[in-house]
């Protein structure tokens, strides 16, 4: 796994595996877990067979605590899904874990034990206002826990400006947030904006402030704009344009292959 997440290296295509509400959450449908697991594995296989570099397994539980915690049943369910995806792919396929909204220690634990290689942090530094309340980062706790369980090899990709994170309180640029995230131990940052020019400006500002820090697109990429955006970034989290029936649908292998081909042309 070492060296796979680097600035200026291979451009990473990381497909989103969106989960139905898991056990231990208010909107979980009793008896649905096996279906959720099977769908996640099929989507991960479609990404793997389509040439993607990895996936991010993300909970979509509809309502979240703003605290850094996760219900035990939910954490176990995520671990079972992550392990099943790892067994259905191989070590070259980089599996990410994101227990939303910001259960970073639980995500690290799942990745460490079940075969994940990275987590995405909704808030590693600062605080962000969400529909569920104020989410406050606790980087010291996260990094202490990462060391305690021997998960230093599990990479952390920190959101710094996206649909999941906006710096709250005072004025701080995207580049400043990127430097702060790197200072506490982030291995990469992710950002996005629905306006393409704005997204490119954000990437450029981070490049100038931290040239060695990998920048991953957190969303808003699709086949039509992937070449332009990925020319500037080191990778992308990509979901909707790969999913049948829109957001939350099962991933289609052919759509993955088409997206990957666009990205690989940039490396030639």
C-alpha atoms as a PDB file:
ATOM      1  CA  UNK A   1       0.000   0.000   0.000  1.00  0.00           C
ATOM      2  CA  UNK A   2       2.919   2.350   0.600  1.00  0.00           C
ATOM      3  CA  UNK A   3       3.334   5.043  -2.014  1.00  0.00           C
ATOM      4  CA  UNK A   4      -0.020   4.614  -3.735  1.00  0.00           C
ATOM      5  CA  UNK A   5      -1.332   8.003  -2.566  1.00  0.00           C
ATOM      6  CA  UNK A   6       1.149  10.554  -3.896  1.00  0.00           C
ATOM      7  CA  UNK A   7       1.029  13.960  -5.515  1.00  0.00           C
ATOM      8  CA  UNK A   8       1.851  13.790  -9.209  1.00  0.00           C
ATOM      9  CA  UNK A   9       1.668  10.005  -9.373  1.00  0.00           C
ATOM     10  CA  UNK A  10      -0.974   7.734 -10.899  1.00  0.00           C
ATOM     11  CA  UNK A  11      -4.315   9.509 -11.074  1.00  0.00           C
ATOM     12  CA  UNK A  12      -6.634   7.599  -8.789  1.00  0.00           C
ATOM     13  CA  UNK A  13     -10.206   6.680  -9.656  1.00  0.00           C
ATOM     14  CA  UNK A  14     -11.990   5.868  -6.398  1.00  0.00           C
ATOM     15  CA  UNK A  15     -15.596   4.836  -6.886  1.00  0.00           C
ATOM     16  CA  UNK A  16     -18.273   5.515  -4.289  1.00  0.00           C
ATOM     17  CA  UNK A  17     -20.053   2.519  -2.791  1.00  0.00           C
ATOM     18  CA  UNK A  18     -23.116   4.053  -1.127  1.00  0.00           C
ATOM     19  CA  UNK A  19     -24.764   1.880   1.514  1.00  0.00           C
ATOM     20  CA  UNK A  20     -28.387   1.670   2.565  1.00  0.00           C
ATOM     21  CA  UNK A  21     -29.011   2.580   6.240  1.00  0.00           C
ATOM     22  CA  UNK A  22     -27.129   0.143   8.456  1.00  0.00           C
ATOM     23  CA  UNK A  23     -28.202  -1.682  11.635  1.00  0.00           C
ATOM     24  CA  UNK A  24     -28.120   0.573  14.677  1.00  0.00           C
ATOM     25  CA  UNK A  25     -29.518   3.584  12.780  1.00  0.00           C
ATOM     26  CA  UNK A  26     -33.098   4.942  12.795  1.00  0.00           C
ATOM     27  CA  UNK A  27     -33.895   4.274   9.126  1.00  0.00           C
ATOM     28  CA  UNK A  28     -32.450   0.764   8.907  1.00  0.00           C
ATOM     29  CA  UNK A  29     -34.933  -1.702   7.433  1.00  0.00           C
ATOM     30  CA  UNK A  30     -34.915  -4.900   9.457  1.00  0.00           C
ATOM     31  CA  UNK A  31     -33.677  -7.823   7.377  1.00  0.00           C
ATOM     32  CA  UNK A  32     -32.063  -5.640   4.701  1.00  0.00           C
ATOM     33  CA  UNK A  33     -28.420  -6.058   5.702  1.00  0.00           C
ATOM     34  CA  UNK A  34     -27.625  -9.051   3.509  1.00  0.00           C
ATOM     35  CA  UNK A  35     -29.030  -7.204   0.503  1.00  0.00           C
ATOM     36  CA  UNK A  36     -26.942  -4.140   1.345  1.00  0.00           C
ATOM     37  CA  UNK A  37     -23.792  -6.257   1.653  1.00  0.00           C
ATOM     38  CA  UNK A  38     -24.422  -8.105  -1.625  1.00  0.00           C
ATOM     39  CA  UNK A  39     -25.078  -4.852  -3.507  1.00  0.00           C
ATOM     40  CA  UNK A  40     -21.899  -3.312  -2.105  1.00  0.00           C
ATOM     41  CA  UNK A  41     -19.825  -6.293  -3.201  1.00  0.00           C
ATOM     42  CA  UNK A  42     -21.308  -6.219  -6.707  1.00  0.00           C
ATOM     43  CA  UNK A  43     -20.595  -2.511  -7.001  1.00  0.00           C
ATOM     44  CA  UNK A  44     -17.025  -2.985  -5.777  1.00  0.00           C
ATOM     45  CA  UNK A  45     -16.519  -5.793  -8.286  1.00  0.00           C
ATOM     46  CA  UNK A  46     -17.822  -3.555 -11.070  1.00  0.00           C
ATOM     47  CA  UNK A  47     -15.274  -0.916 -10.059  1.00  0.00           C
ATOM     48  CA  UNK A  48     -12.491  -3.483  -9.849  1.00  0.00           C
ATOM     49  CA  UNK A  49     -13.313  -5.095 -13.195  1.00  0.00           C
ATOM     50  CA  UNK A  50     -13.788  -1.679 -14.828  1.00  0.00           C
ATOM     51  CA  UNK A  51     -10.250  -0.652 -13.914  1.00  0.00           C
ATOM     52  CA  UNK A  52     -10.843   1.702 -10.974  1.00  0.00           C
ATOM     53  CA  UNK A  53      -8.055   1.995  -8.427  1.00  0.00           C
ATOM     54  CA  UNK A  54     -10.320   1.523  -5.448  1.00  0.00           C
ATOM     55  CA  UNK A  55     -13.539   2.453  -3.739  1.00  0.00           C
ATOM     56  CA  UNK A  56     -14.869   4.394  -0.781  1.00  0.00           C
ATOM     57  CA  UNK A  57     -17.502   2.535   1.217  1.00  0.00           C
ATOM     58  CA  UNK A  58     -19.722   5.262   2.659  1.00  0.00           C
ATOM     59  CA  UNK A  59     -22.702   5.053   4.994  1.00  0.00           C
ATOM     60  CA  UNK A  60     -25.892   6.808   3.910  1.00  0.00           C
ATOM     61  CA  UNK A  61     -27.898   6.596   7.119  1.00  0.00           C
ATOM     62  CA  UNK A  62     -29.876   9.851   6.540  1.00  0.00           C
ATOM     63  CA  UNK A  63     -29.384  11.222  10.043  1.00  0.00           C
ATOM     64  CA  UNK A  64     -26.154  11.343  12.046  1.00  0.00           C
ATOM     65  CA  UNK A  65     -24.735  12.319  15.379  1.00  0.00           C
ATOM     66  CA  UNK A  66     -22.346  15.260  15.297  1.00  0.00           C
ATOM     67  CA  UNK A  67     -20.137  13.501  17.848  1.00  0.00           C
ATOM     68  CA  UNK A  68     -17.201  11.267  16.987  1.00  0.00           C
ATOM     69  CA  UNK A  69     -18.980   7.981  17.607  1.00  0.00           C
ATOM     70  CA  UNK A  70     -20.723   5.080  15.891  1.00  0.00           C
ATOM     71  CA  UNK A  71     -23.317   2.595  17.149  1.00  0.00           C
ATOM     72  CA  UNK A  72     -21.650  -0.817  17.725  1.00  0.00           C
ATOM     73  CA  UNK A  73     -24.049  -2.647  15.386  1.00  0.00           C
ATOM     74  CA  UNK A  74     -23.368  -0.080  12.667  1.00  0.00           C
ATOM     75  CA  UNK A  75     -19.610  -0.424  13.090  1.00  0.00           C
ATOM     76  CA  UNK A  76     -19.790  -4.224  12.929  1.00  0.00           C
ATOM     77  CA  UNK A  77     -21.955  -4.041   9.801  1.00  0.00           C
ATOM     78  CA  UNK A  78     -19.438  -1.741   8.115  1.00  0.00           C
ATOM     79  CA  UNK A  79     -16.647  -4.130   9.071  1.00  0.00           C
ATOM     80  CA  UNK A  80     -18.456  -7.088   7.529  1.00  0.00           C
ATOM     81  CA  UNK A  81     -19.067  -5.184   4.295  1.00  0.00           C
ATOM     82  CA  UNK A  82     -15.468  -3.946   4.123  1.00  0.00           C
ATOM     83  CA  UNK A  83     -14.140  -7.453   4.651  1.00  0.00           C
ATOM     84  CA  UNK A  84     -16.446  -8.864   1.984  1.00  0.00           C
ATOM     85  CA  UNK A  85     -15.262  -6.225  -0.506  1.00  0.00           C
ATOM     86  CA  UNK A  86     -11.624  -6.990   0.343  1.00  0.00           C
ATOM     87  CA  UNK A  87     -12.214 -10.704  -0.271  1.00  0.00           C
ATOM     88  CA  UNK A  88     -13.970  -9.982  -3.592  1.00  0.00           C
ATOM     89  CA  UNK A  89     -11.093  -7.861  -4.944  1.00  0.00           C
ATOM     90  CA  UNK A  90      -7.357  -7.924  -4.171  1.00  0.00           C
ATOM     91  CA  UNK A  91      -4.614  -5.929  -2.451  1.00  0.00           C
ATOM     92  CA  UNK A  92      -4.130  -3.648  -5.462  1.00  0.00           C
ATOM     93  CA  UNK A  93      -7.677  -2.340  -4.994  1.00  0.00           C
ATOM     94  CA  UNK A  94      -7.638   0.417  -2.386  1.00  0.00           C
ATOM     95  CA  UNK A  95     -10.633   0.225  -0.066  1.00  0.00           C
ATOM     96  CA  UNK A  96     -11.712   3.287   1.888  1.00  0.00           C
ATOM     97  CA  UNK A  97     -14.052   3.524   4.867  1.00  0.00           C
ATOM     98  CA  UNK A  98     -16.246   6.486   5.798  1.00  0.00           C
ATOM     99  CA  UNK A  99     -18.658   6.135   8.669  1.00  0.00           C
ATOM    100  CA  UNK A 100     -20.539   9.391   8.373  1.00  0.00           C
ATOM    101  CA  UNK A 101     -20.827  12.006   9.742  1.00  0.00           C
ATOM    102  CA  UNK A 102     -17.408  12.007  11.371  1.00  0.00           C
ATOM    103  CA  UNK A 103     -16.806   8.696  13.157  1.00  0.00           C
ATOM    104  CA  UNK A 104     -13.106   8.694  12.394  1.00  0.00           C
ATOM    105  CA  UNK A 105     -11.850   6.318  15.081  1.00  0.00           C
ATOM    106  CA  UNK A 106     -14.514   3.756  14.172  1.00  0.00           C
ATOM    107  CA  UNK A 107     -13.581   4.151  10.497  1.00  0.00           C
ATOM    108  CA  UNK A 108      -9.907   3.627  11.344  1.00  0.00           C
ATOM    109  CA  UNK A 109     -10.771   0.526  13.355  1.00  0.00           C
ATOM    110  CA  UNK A 110     -12.802  -0.972  10.511  1.00  0.00           C
ATOM    111  CA  UNK A 111     -10.074  -0.217   7.966  1.00  0.00           C
ATOM    112  CA  UNK A 112      -7.357  -1.684  10.195  1.00  0.00           C
ATOM    113  CA  UNK A 113      -9.212  -4.887  11.038  1.00  0.00           C
ATOM    114  CA  UNK A 114     -11.269  -5.565   7.906  1.00  0.00           C
ATOM    115  CA  UNK A 115      -8.812  -4.795   5.109  1.00  0.00           C
ATOM    116  CA  UNK A 116      -9.259  -1.118   4.289  1.00  0.00           C
ATOM    117  CA  UNK A 117      -6.384   1.099   3.204  1.00  0.00           C
ATOM    118  CA  UNK A 118      -7.689   4.589   3.958  1.00  0.00           C
ATOM    119  CA  UNK A 119     -10.480   6.629   5.485  1.00  0.00           C
ATOM    120  CA  UNK A 120     -12.075   9.894   4.412  1.00  0.00           C
ATOM    121  CA  UNK A 121     -12.450  12.408   7.237  1.00  0.00           C
ATOM    122  CA  UNK A 122     -15.447  14.705   7.091  1.00  0.00           C
ATOM    123  CA  UNK A 123     -13.753  17.036   9.584  1.00  0.00           C
ATOM    124  CA  UNK A 124     -10.147  16.423  10.584  1.00  0.00           C
ATOM    125  CA  UNK A 125      -9.460  20.051  11.514  1.00  0.00           C
ATOM    126  CA  UNK A 126     -11.712  22.953  12.461  1.00  0.00           C
ATOM    127  CA  UNK A 127     -15.479  22.664  12.533  1.00  0.00           C
ATOM    128  CA  UNK A 128     -18.273  22.615   9.992  1.00  0.00           C
ATOM    129  CA  UNK A 129     -21.990  23.351  10.234  1.00  0.00           C
ATOM    130  CA  UNK A 130     -24.172  20.527   8.911  1.00  0.00           C
ATOM    131  CA  UNK A 131     -27.887  19.810   8.759  1.00  0.00           C
ATOM    132  CA  UNK A 132     -27.444  17.757  11.917  1.00  0.00           C
ATOM    133  CA  UNK A 133     -25.556  20.393  13.883  1.00  0.00           C
ATOM    134  CA  UNK A 134     -21.976  21.547  14.363  1.00  0.00           C
ATOM    135  CA  UNK A 135     -19.337  18.906  13.705  1.00  0.00           C
ATOM    136  CA  UNK A 136     -16.109  19.651  15.569  1.00  0.00           C
ATOM    137  CA  UNK A 137     -12.842  17.962  14.697  1.00  0.00           C
ATOM    138  CA  UNK A 138     -10.593  16.331  17.303  1.00  0.00           C
ATOM    139  CA  UNK A 139      -7.358  15.560  15.454  1.00  0.00           C
ATOM    140  CA  UNK A 140      -5.393  14.730  18.610  1.00  0.00           C
ATOM    141  CA  UNK A 141      -7.836  11.964  19.547  1.00  0.00           C
ATOM    142  CA  UNK A 142      -7.850  10.605  16.006  1.00  0.00           C
ATOM    143  CA  UNK A 143      -4.073  10.506  15.653  1.00  0.00           C
ATOM    144  CA  UNK A 144      -3.580   9.023  19.123  1.00  0.00           C
ATOM    145  CA  UNK A 145      -6.071   6.268  18.309  1.00  0.00           C
ATOM    146  CA  UNK A 146      -4.490   5.643  14.912  1.00  0.00           C
ATOM    147  CA  UNK A 147      -1.140   5.052  16.636  1.00  0.00           C
ATOM    148  CA  UNK A 148      -2.642   3.008  19.480  1.00  0.00           C
ATOM    149  CA  UNK A 149      -4.162   0.407  17.159  1.00  0.00           C
ATOM    150  CA  UNK A 150      -1.159   0.337  14.820  1.00  0.00           C
ATOM    151  CA  UNK A 151      -3.038   1.847  11.889  1.00  0.00           C
ATOM    152  CA  UNK A 152      -0.402   4.314  10.687  1.00  0.00           C
ATOM    153  CA  UNK A 153      -0.539   2.551   7.315  1.00  0.00           C
ATOM    154  CA  UNK A 154      -4.229   3.500   6.990  1.00  0.00           C
ATOM    155  CA  UNK A 155      -4.166   6.766   5.043  1.00  0.00           C
ATOM    156  CA  UNK A 156      -6.356   9.714   5.965  1.00  0.00           C
ATOM    157  CA  UNK A 157      -7.912  11.865   3.232  1.00  0.00           C
ATOM    158  CA  UNK A 158      -9.266  15.029   4.846  1.00  0.00           C
ATOM    159  CA  UNK A 159     -12.183  17.015   3.481  1.00  0.00           C
ATOM    160  CA  UNK A 160     -11.225  20.697   3.333  1.00  0.00           C
ATOM    161  CA  UNK A 161     -13.852  22.333   1.097  1.00  0.00           C
ATOM    162  CA  UNK A 162     -16.765  20.294  -0.209  1.00  0.00           C
ATOM    163  CA  UNK A 163     -20.399  19.324   0.248  1.00  0.00           C
ATOM    164  CA  UNK A 164     -19.358  17.678   3.538  1.00  0.00           C
ATOM    165  CA  UNK A 165     -17.093  20.395   4.962  1.00  0.00           C
ATOM    166  CA  UNK A 166     -16.976  24.192   4.961  1.00  0.00           C
ATOM    167  CA  UNK A 167     -14.654  25.944   7.388  1.00  0.00           C
ATOM    168  CA  UNK A 168     -16.832  27.597  10.028  1.00  0.00           C
ATOM    169  CA  UNK A 169     -15.777  30.573  12.123  1.00  0.00           C
ATOM    170  CA  UNK A 170     -13.435  33.254  10.867  1.00  0.00           C
ATOM    171  CA  UNK A 171     -11.922  33.533   7.443  1.00  0.00           C
ATOM    172  CA  UNK A 172      -9.612  30.750   6.302  1.00  0.00           C
ATOM    173  CA  UNK A 173      -8.812  29.939   2.686  1.00  0.00           C
ATOM    174  CA  UNK A 174      -8.959  26.455   1.213  1.00  0.00           C
ATOM    175  CA  UNK A 175      -5.173  26.473   1.021  1.00  0.00           C
ATOM    176  CA  UNK A 176      -4.879  27.369   4.705  1.00  0.00           C
ATOM    177  CA  UNK A 177      -7.225  24.539   5.669  1.00  0.00           C
ATOM    178  CA  UNK A 178      -5.138  22.168   3.532  1.00  0.00           C
ATOM    179  CA  UNK A 179      -1.975  23.178   5.380  1.00  0.00           C
ATOM    180  CA  UNK A 180      -3.724  22.727   8.722  1.00  0.00           C
ATOM    181  CA  UNK A 181      -4.912  19.244   7.739  1.00  0.00           C
ATOM    182  CA  UNK A 182      -1.443  18.237   6.617  1.00  0.00           C
ATOM    183  CA  UNK A 183       0.068  19.583   9.847  1.00  0.00           C
ATOM    184  CA  UNK A 184      -2.059  17.235  11.992  1.00  0.00           C
ATOM    185  CA  UNK A 185      -1.320  14.199   9.832  1.00  0.00           C
ATOM    186  CA  UNK A 186      -3.563  14.098   6.756  1.00  0.00           C
ATOM    187  CA  UNK A 187      -2.047  12.099   3.901  1.00  0.00           C
ATOM    188  CA  UNK A 188      -4.169  13.884   1.282  1.00  0.00           C
ATOM    189  CA  UNK A 189      -7.037  16.355   1.045  1.00  0.00           C
ATOM    190  CA  UNK A 190     -10.277  16.319  -0.896  1.00  0.00           C
ATOM    191  CA  UNK A 191     -12.262  19.236  -2.246  1.00  0.00           C
ATOM    192  CA  UNK A 192     -14.873  20.072  -4.838  1.00  0.00           C
ATOM    193  CA  UNK A 193     -17.199  22.734  -6.158  1.00  0.00           C
ATOM    194  CA  UNK A 194     -20.075  22.450  -8.641  1.00  0.00           C
ATOM    195  CA  UNK A 195     -18.534  25.256 -10.710  1.00  0.00           C
ATOM    196  CA  UNK A 196     -15.622  23.802 -12.676  1.00  0.00           C
ATOM    197  CA  UNK A 197     -13.519  26.978 -12.790  1.00  0.00           C
ATOM    198  CA  UNK A 198     -13.901  27.461  -9.048  1.00  0.00           C
ATOM    199  CA  UNK A 199     -12.821  23.866  -8.426  1.00  0.00           C
ATOM    200  CA  UNK A 200      -9.742  24.346 -10.595  1.00  0.00           C
ATOM    201  CA  UNK A 201      -8.863  27.546  -8.730  1.00  0.00           C
ATOM    202  CA  UNK A 202      -9.182  25.686  -5.415  1.00  0.00           C
ATOM    203  CA  UNK A 203      -6.839  22.947  -6.625  1.00  0.00           C
ATOM    204  CA  UNK A 204      -4.316  25.520  -7.834  1.00  0.00           C
ATOM    205  CA  UNK A 205      -4.333  27.305  -4.481  1.00  0.00           C
ATOM    206  CA  UNK A 206      -3.607  24.066  -2.622  1.00  0.00           C
ATOM    207  CA  UNK A 207      -0.868  23.170  -5.102  1.00  0.00           C
ATOM    208  CA  UNK A 208       0.831  26.491  -4.442  1.00  0.00           C
ATOM    209  CA  UNK A 209       0.517  26.212  -0.663  1.00  0.00           C
ATOM    210  CA  UNK A 210       1.416  22.522  -0.369  1.00  0.00           C
ATOM    211  CA  UNK A 211       2.942  21.147  -3.591  1.00  0.00           C
ATOM    212  CA  UNK A 212       3.564  17.682  -2.144  1.00  0.00           C
ATOM    213  CA  UNK A 213       0.030  17.178  -0.820  1.00  0.00           C
ATOM    214  CA  UNK A 214      -2.222  14.946  -2.980  1.00  0.00           C
ATOM    215  CA  UNK A 215      -5.527  16.584  -3.957  1.00  0.00           C
ATOM    216  CA  UNK A 216      -8.549  14.350  -4.535  1.00  0.00           C
ATOM    217  CA  UNK A 217     -11.785  15.630  -6.074  1.00  0.00           C
ATOM    218  CA  UNK A 218     -14.606  15.084  -3.587  1.00  0.00           C
ATOM    219  CA  UNK A 219     -17.411  15.102  -6.147  1.00  0.00           C
ATOM    220  CA  UNK A 220     -18.987  16.798  -9.161  1.00  0.00           C
ATOM    221  CA  UNK A 221     -16.944  14.829 -11.677  1.00  0.00           C
ATOM    222  CA  UNK A 222     -18.541  12.957 -14.556  1.00  0.00           C
ATOM    223  CA  UNK A 223     -17.503  11.647 -17.944  1.00  0.00           C
ATOM    224  CA  UNK A 224     -18.002  15.037 -19.588  1.00  0.00           C
ATOM    225  CA  UNK A 225     -15.625  16.995 -17.343  1.00  0.00           C
ATOM    226  CA  UNK A 226     -13.282  14.298 -15.999  1.00  0.00           C
ATOM    227  CA  UNK A 227     -10.462  15.107 -18.427  1.00  0.00           C
ATOM    228  CA  UNK A 228     -10.382  18.786 -17.471  1.00  0.00           C
ATOM    229  CA  UNK A 229     -10.686  18.304 -13.714  1.00  0.00           C
ATOM    230  CA  UNK A 230      -8.468  15.247 -13.408  1.00  0.00           C
ATOM    231  CA  UNK A 231      -5.712  16.952 -15.388  1.00  0.00           C
ATOM    232  CA  UNK A 232      -5.300  19.202 -12.342  1.00  0.00           C
ATOM    233  CA  UNK A 233      -6.036  16.744  -9.516  1.00  0.00           C
ATOM    234  CA  UNK A 234      -4.404  13.549  -8.257  1.00  0.00           C
ATOM    235  CA  UNK A 235      -7.621  11.573  -8.110  1.00  0.00           C
ATOM    236  CA  UNK A 236     -11.363  11.660  -7.736  1.00  0.00           C
ATOM    237  CA  UNK A 237     -14.155  10.205  -5.665  1.00  0.00           C
ATOM    238  CA  UNK A 238     -16.727   9.464  -8.330  1.00  0.00           C
ATOM    239  CA  UNK A 239     -20.190   8.079  -7.832  1.00  0.00           C
ATOM    240  CA  UNK A 240     -23.357   9.235  -9.536  1.00  0.00           C
ATOM    241  CA  UNK A 241     -22.156   9.005 -13.133  1.00  0.00           C
ATOM    242  CA  UNK A 242     -21.119   5.379 -12.535  1.00  0.00           C
ATOM    243  CA  UNK A 243     -24.350   4.292 -10.869  1.00  0.00           C
ATOM    244  CA  UNK A 244     -27.345   2.806 -12.609  1.00  0.00           C
ATOM    245  CA  UNK A 245     -30.529   4.768 -11.914  1.00  0.00           C
ATOM    246  CA  UNK A 246     -28.609   7.761 -10.509  1.00  0.00           C
ATOM    247  CA  UNK A 247     -27.243   8.442  -7.043  1.00  0.00           C
ATOM    248  CA  UNK A 248     -27.309   5.423  -4.746  1.00  0.00           C
ATOM    249  CA  UNK A 249     -27.801   2.896  -7.526  1.00  0.00           C
ATOM    250  CA  UNK A 250     -25.623  -0.103  -8.229  1.00  0.00           C
ATOM    251  CA  UNK A 251     -22.415   0.689 -10.115  1.00  0.00           C
ATOM    252  CA  UNK A 252     -22.186  -0.238 -13.790  1.00  0.00           C
ATOM    253  CA  UNK A 253     -18.912  -1.813 -14.978  1.00  0.00           C
ATOM    254  CA  UNK A 254     -19.064  -0.294 -18.479  1.00  0.00           C
ATOM    255  CA  UNK A 255     -19.528   3.223 -17.109  1.00  0.00           C
ATOM    256  CA  UNK A 256     -16.517   2.656 -14.883  1.00  0.00           C
ATOM    257  CA  UNK A 257     -14.389   1.497 -17.818  1.00  0.00           C
ATOM    258  CA  UNK A 258     -15.359   4.557 -19.863  1.00  0.00           C
ATOM    259  CA  UNK A 259     -14.464   6.934 -17.014  1.00  0.00           C
ATOM    260  CA  UNK A 260     -11.170   5.153 -16.313  1.00  0.00           C
ATOM    261  CA  UNK A 261     -10.219   5.299 -20.000  1.00  0.00           C
ATOM    262  CA  UNK A 262     -10.681   9.082 -19.996  1.00  0.00           C
ATOM    263  CA  UNK A 263      -8.380   9.383 -16.987  1.00  0.00           C
ATOM    264  CA  UNK A 264      -5.731   6.998 -18.276  1.00  0.00           C
ATOM    265  CA  UNK A 265      -5.404   9.043 -21.478  1.00  0.00           C
ATOM    266  CA  UNK A 266      -4.131  11.909 -19.314  1.00  0.00           C
ATOM    267  CA  UNK A 267      -1.202   9.763 -18.192  1.00  0.00           C
ATOM    268  CA  UNK A 268       0.020   8.873 -21.675  1.00  0.00           C
END
